[in-house]
């Protein structure tokens, strides 16, 4: 039977925006910063529990992110949505297919799966290959909670500009939401009672498809997690100065931060 109460460990593989930090061609203070927490790859997390490795999104940086995190097995991938910074690293699972001797399950909404099938058509066309291609088993999500390796996972619908995309709640303790511009009231209710909540907090200036730091703090106040971590951070925000202005239970995520829910950050 699936459980809601398993502890989970979350490693931030990337805490940056679609263009990363440093941003190509930019010479701003954050892009030139010596603080390693200001070096941000594209947004993704690795969720570990029950001896399983579950990835949220395959960014264009996935190969390097996986090497840096020592990832040598991938048991499933959950996709939030189909923008380039969240899917374009999918081809890089091929070596893991070979080492594991089989396909990797992927989970996403019908709309996201449609884009993945078009972008990686060679992985789905059923034709004989002269070289390797990603080996995948596809699971279409309909918004209902599902059992993933003994843990109940709940897709959480949020708004990303004009799109509805998914965040994910992992059992009782943790949820990962990125790229949200708004969180509907029904989804707010899905997120209450958490130990750890990750939320998009792009910058201070408004953006049509992302949340500002100030609005992210409003979501934290409404959801009331024990701890919150902001991610999908652009080069407008220096880590040290931004974090110094946040409440004590709210921190900026950074690449390779590891959180155990319910436990302590380290």
Protein backbone atom coordinates (compact mmCIF):
# COMPACT_ATOMS: atom_id res chain seq x y z
CA UNK A 1 0.00 0.00 0.00
CA UNK A 2 1.28 3.53 -0.76
CA UNK A 3 2.23 5.71 2.20
CA UNK A 4 1.99 9.44 2.76
CA UNK A 5 4.40 9.42 5.68
CA UNK A 6 7.78 8.35 4.27
CA UNK A 7 10.67 10.78 4.83
CA UNK A 8 12.11 12.20 1.62
CA UNK A 9 15.45 13.79 0.80
CA UNK A 10 15.52 16.52 -1.83
CA UNK A 11 18.69 17.67 -3.58
CA UNK A 12 18.50 20.87 -5.61
CA UNK A 13 20.18 20.06 -8.94
CA UNK A 14 19.51 23.54 -10.30
CA UNK A 15 18.05 26.68 -8.74
CA UNK A 16 18.28 29.06 -11.69
CA UNK A 17 16.03 30.31 -14.45
CA UNK A 18 15.70 29.15 -18.05
CA UNK A 19 18.98 30.89 -18.95
CA UNK A 20 20.87 30.04 -15.77
CA UNK A 21 23.21 32.20 -13.70
CA UNK A 22 25.71 33.44 -14.83
CA UNK A 23 23.57 34.48 -17.76
CA UNK A 24 25.27 34.33 -21.14
CA UNK A 25 26.75 37.72 -22.08
CA UNK A 26 25.91 39.40 -18.77
CA UNK A 27 28.43 41.23 -16.61
CA UNK A 28 26.19 42.19 -13.70
CA UNK A 29 27.37 41.81 -10.09
CA UNK A 30 25.52 38.53 -9.52
CA UNK A 31 26.79 36.97 -12.75
CA UNK A 32 30.34 37.93 -11.70
CA UNK A 33 29.84 36.89 -8.05
CA UNK A 34 32.37 34.67 -6.29
CA UNK A 35 29.64 33.22 -4.06
CA UNK A 36 29.07 29.63 -5.26
CA UNK A 37 25.40 29.96 -4.28
CA UNK A 38 25.06 32.50 -7.11
CA UNK A 39 26.00 29.83 -9.70
CA UNK A 40 22.60 28.46 -10.74
CA UNK A 41 21.89 25.75 -13.28
CA UNK A 42 18.42 25.27 -14.77
CA UNK A 43 15.65 24.25 -12.31
CA UNK A 44 15.41 20.63 -11.18
CA UNK A 45 15.41 18.52 -8.01
CA UNK A 46 16.27 14.94 -7.16
CA UNK A 47 13.86 13.33 -4.68
CA UNK A 48 15.08 10.23 -2.84
CA UNK A 49 13.12 7.80 -0.64
CA UNK A 50 12.74 4.04 -0.23
CA UNK A 51 16.08 3.65 -2.01
CA UNK A 52 14.66 5.25 -5.18
CA UNK A 53 15.85 8.23 -7.23
CA UNK A 54 13.02 10.35 -8.65
CA UNK A 55 13.92 13.32 -10.83
CA UNK A 56 11.71 16.35 -11.38
CA UNK A 57 12.39 17.68 -14.90
CA UNK A 58 15.31 16.97 -17.24
CA UNK A 59 16.96 20.32 -17.86
CA UNK A 60 19.50 21.10 -20.59
CA UNK A 61 22.05 20.83 -17.76
CA UNK A 62 20.90 17.36 -16.69
CA UNK A 63 24.08 15.51 -17.69
CA UNK A 64 26.30 17.78 -15.60
CA UNK A 65 23.76 17.95 -12.77
CA UNK A 66 23.64 14.15 -12.58
CA UNK A 67 27.43 13.81 -12.62
CA UNK A 68 27.82 16.48 -9.96
CA UNK A 69 25.24 14.75 -7.73
CA UNK A 70 26.78 11.29 -8.26
CA UNK A 71 23.56 9.99 -9.82
CA UNK A 72 24.10 6.51 -11.22
CA UNK A 73 20.50 5.28 -11.27
CA UNK A 74 17.22 6.92 -12.24
CA UNK A 75 13.97 5.26 -11.24
CA UNK A 76 11.45 7.81 -12.55
CA UNK A 77 11.10 11.32 -13.98
CA UNK A 78 8.22 13.66 -13.17
CA UNK A 79 7.70 16.59 -15.50
CA UNK A 80 6.19 19.90 -14.39
CA UNK A 81 5.64 21.19 -17.94
CA UNK A 82 7.18 21.12 -21.40
CA UNK A 83 9.22 24.33 -21.66
CA UNK A 84 12.74 23.87 -22.99
CA UNK A 85 14.49 24.40 -19.66
CA UNK A 86 12.49 21.51 -18.17
CA UNK A 87 12.66 18.80 -20.87
CA UNK A 88 15.62 19.20 -23.21
CA UNK A 89 18.00 17.02 -21.20
CA UNK A 90 15.83 13.93 -21.62
CA UNK A 91 18.13 12.39 -24.22
CA UNK A 92 20.89 12.20 -21.60
CA UNK A 93 19.18 9.35 -19.77
CA UNK A 94 20.48 6.95 -22.47
CA UNK A 95 23.57 5.81 -20.51
CA UNK A 96 21.37 5.12 -17.49
CA UNK A 97 19.06 3.01 -19.67
CA UNK A 98 22.10 0.97 -20.66
CA UNK A 99 23.48 0.57 -17.14
CA UNK A 100 20.06 -0.21 -15.67
CA UNK A 101 19.11 -2.53 -18.49
CA UNK A 102 15.71 -1.06 -19.21
CA UNK A 103 13.43 1.94 -19.65
CA UNK A 104 12.85 4.81 -17.22
CA UNK A 105 9.22 5.63 -16.34
CA UNK A 106 8.17 9.22 -17.04
CA UNK A 107 5.08 10.94 -15.61
CA UNK A 108 3.45 14.09 -16.96
CA UNK A 109 0.21 15.72 -18.04
CA UNK A 110 -1.20 14.86 -21.49
CA UNK A 111 -0.15 18.30 -22.78
CA UNK A 112 3.42 17.89 -21.58
CA UNK A 113 3.67 14.37 -22.98
CA UNK A 114 2.46 15.60 -26.37
CA UNK A 115 5.37 18.07 -26.58
CA UNK A 116 7.89 15.47 -25.34
CA UNK A 117 6.73 13.02 -28.00
CA UNK A 118 7.22 15.67 -30.69
CA UNK A 119 10.59 16.91 -29.45
CA UNK A 120 11.96 13.38 -28.98
CA UNK A 121 10.01 11.68 -31.76
CA UNK A 122 12.87 9.23 -32.40
CA UNK A 123 12.29 7.74 -28.93
CA UNK A 124 8.64 7.00 -29.70
CA UNK A 125 8.46 6.12 -33.42
CA UNK A 126 9.07 2.38 -32.94
CA UNK A 127 11.62 2.26 -35.74
CA UNK A 128 14.81 0.20 -35.60
CA UNK A 129 17.75 2.34 -34.48
CA UNK A 130 21.39 2.32 -35.56
CA UNK A 131 22.26 4.05 -32.29
CA UNK A 132 20.67 4.37 -28.88
CA UNK A 133 17.67 6.51 -28.02
CA UNK A 134 15.96 7.18 -24.71
CA UNK A 135 14.02 4.15 -23.45
CA UNK A 136 10.89 5.31 -21.65
CA UNK A 137 7.64 4.02 -20.26
CA UNK A 138 4.98 6.71 -20.33
CA UNK A 139 2.46 7.43 -17.57
CA UNK A 140 -0.17 10.08 -18.26
CA UNK A 141 -1.30 11.98 -15.18
CA UNK A 142 -4.90 13.06 -14.71
CA UNK A 143 -4.44 15.09 -11.53
CA UNK A 144 -5.22 12.28 -9.13
CA UNK A 145 -2.70 11.11 -6.50
CA UNK A 146 -0.69 8.04 -7.46
CA UNK A 147 1.61 5.50 -5.87
CA UNK A 148 5.27 5.91 -6.83
CA UNK A 149 7.49 3.29 -5.21
CA UNK A 150 5.41 3.16 -2.06
CA UNK A 151 4.91 6.92 -1.63
CA UNK A 152 1.73 8.82 -2.46
CA UNK A 153 2.54 11.60 -4.95
CA UNK A 154 -0.02 14.33 -5.58
CA UNK A 155 0.10 16.48 -8.75
CA UNK A 156 -0.66 20.08 -7.76
CA UNK A 157 -2.04 22.32 -10.55
CA UNK A 158 -0.59 25.85 -10.64
CA UNK A 159 -0.66 28.66 -13.17
CA UNK A 160 2.38 29.54 -15.28
CA UNK A 161 1.11 32.58 -17.14
CA UNK A 162 -1.66 31.24 -19.39
CA UNK A 163 -0.66 27.61 -18.81
CA UNK A 164 -1.75 25.17 -16.13
CA UNK A 165 1.26 23.09 -15.07
CA UNK A 166 2.02 20.63 -12.25
CA UNK A 167 3.94 20.89 -9.05
CA UNK A 168 4.21 17.79 -6.87
CA UNK A 169 3.55 16.96 -3.25
CA UNK A 170 5.57 13.99 -1.99
CA UNK A 171 3.65 12.34 0.81
CA UNK A 172 3.05 14.36 3.97
CA UNK A 173 6.28 16.26 4.22
CA UNK A 174 7.49 17.97 1.04
CA UNK A 175 6.31 19.72 -2.12
CA UNK A 176 8.11 21.17 -5.11
CA UNK A 177 6.46 23.98 -7.08
CA UNK A 178 8.30 25.86 -9.79
CA UNK A 179 7.43 28.35 -12.54
CA UNK A 180 4.19 29.37 -10.88
CA UNK A 181 2.67 32.80 -11.42
CA UNK A 182 -0.38 31.91 -9.33
CA UNK A 183 -1.57 29.07 -7.10
CA UNK A 184 -5.34 28.46 -7.19
CA UNK A 185 -7.21 28.19 -3.91
CA UNK A 186 -7.83 24.45 -4.35
CA UNK A 187 -4.09 23.92 -4.80
CA UNK A 188 -3.28 26.04 -1.75
CA UNK A 189 -5.36 23.56 0.23
CA UNK A 190 -3.36 20.65 -1.26
CA UNK A 191 -0.14 22.17 0.09
CA UNK A 192 -1.01 22.74 3.73
CA UNK A 193 0.67 20.80 6.53
CA UNK A 194 4.11 20.59 4.89
CA UNK A 195 7.51 20.46 6.49
CA UNK A 196 9.29 21.70 3.33
CA UNK A 197 7.92 23.73 0.41
CA UNK A 198 9.85 24.81 -2.67
CA UNK A 199 8.44 27.77 -4.61
CA UNK A 200 9.42 29.86 -7.61
CA UNK A 201 10.64 33.35 -6.65
CA UNK A 202 12.17 34.80 -9.79
CA UNK A 203 13.05 38.35 -8.76
CA UNK A 204 11.53 41.51 -7.20
CA UNK A 205 10.24 43.00 -10.45
CA UNK A 206 6.92 41.58 -11.73
CA UNK A 207 6.98 38.98 -14.51
CA UNK A 208 3.96 37.68 -16.46
CA UNK A 209 4.70 33.98 -15.89
CA UNK A 210 6.64 33.85 -12.61
CA UNK A 211 6.28 34.94 -8.99
CA UNK A 212 8.18 37.76 -7.32
CA UNK A 213 9.92 37.27 -3.99
CA UNK A 214 7.22 39.35 -2.32
CA UNK A 215 4.36 37.31 -3.79
CA UNK A 216 6.14 34.06 -2.98
CA UNK A 217 6.27 35.22 0.65
CA UNK A 218 2.51 35.79 0.50
CA UNK A 219 2.05 32.19 -0.67
CA UNK A 220 4.24 30.98 2.18
CA UNK A 221 2.11 32.93 4.64
CA UNK A 222 -1.06 31.31 3.26
CA UNK A 223 0.32 27.76 3.02
CA UNK A 224 2.25 27.84 6.33
CA UNK A 225 5.00 25.25 5.74
CA UNK A 226 7.53 24.78 8.52
CA UNK A 227 10.28 25.70 6.05
CA UNK A 228 10.23 27.24 2.58
CA UNK A 229 12.95 27.45 -0.08
CA UNK A 230 12.75 29.76 -3.09
CA UNK A 231 14.04 28.53 -6.45
CA UNK A 232 14.01 29.44 -10.17
CA UNK A 233 16.07 32.50 -9.25
CA UNK A 234 17.36 34.96 -11.84
CA UNK A 235 20.48 37.13 -11.80
CA UNK A 236 18.58 40.04 -10.25
CA UNK A 237 18.94 38.36 -6.84
CA UNK A 238 22.26 37.95 -5.09
CA UNK A 239 22.04 35.05 -2.66
CA UNK A 240 23.48 36.62 0.49
CA UNK A 241 21.69 39.98 0.29
CA UNK A 242 18.35 38.47 -0.70
CA UNK A 243 18.40 35.77 1.98
CA UNK A 244 19.33 38.31 4.68
CA UNK A 245 16.01 40.08 4.07
CA UNK A 246 13.87 36.92 4.32
CA UNK A 247 12.07 35.58 7.42
CA UNK A 248 14.01 32.94 9.33
CA UNK A 249 11.97 29.98 8.06
CA UNK A 250 12.36 31.06 4.40
CA UNK A 251 15.66 30.56 2.57
CA UNK A 252 16.92 30.80 -0.99
CA UNK A 253 17.67 27.43 -2.54
CA UNK A 254 21.06 26.92 -4.15
CA UNK A 255 22.56 24.23 -6.32
CA UNK A 256 23.38 21.02 -4.40
CA UNK A 257 21.45 22.09 -1.30
CA UNK A 258 20.12 18.92 0.34
CA UNK A 259 16.99 18.95 2.50
CA UNK A 260 15.51 16.06 4.46
CA UNK A 261 11.80 16.40 5.19
CA UNK A 262 10.99 16.26 8.01
CA UNK A 263 14.51 17.05 9.09
CA UNK A 264 17.10 19.78 8.98
CA UNK A 265 18.78 21.45 6.02
CA UNK A 266 22.46 20.69 5.66
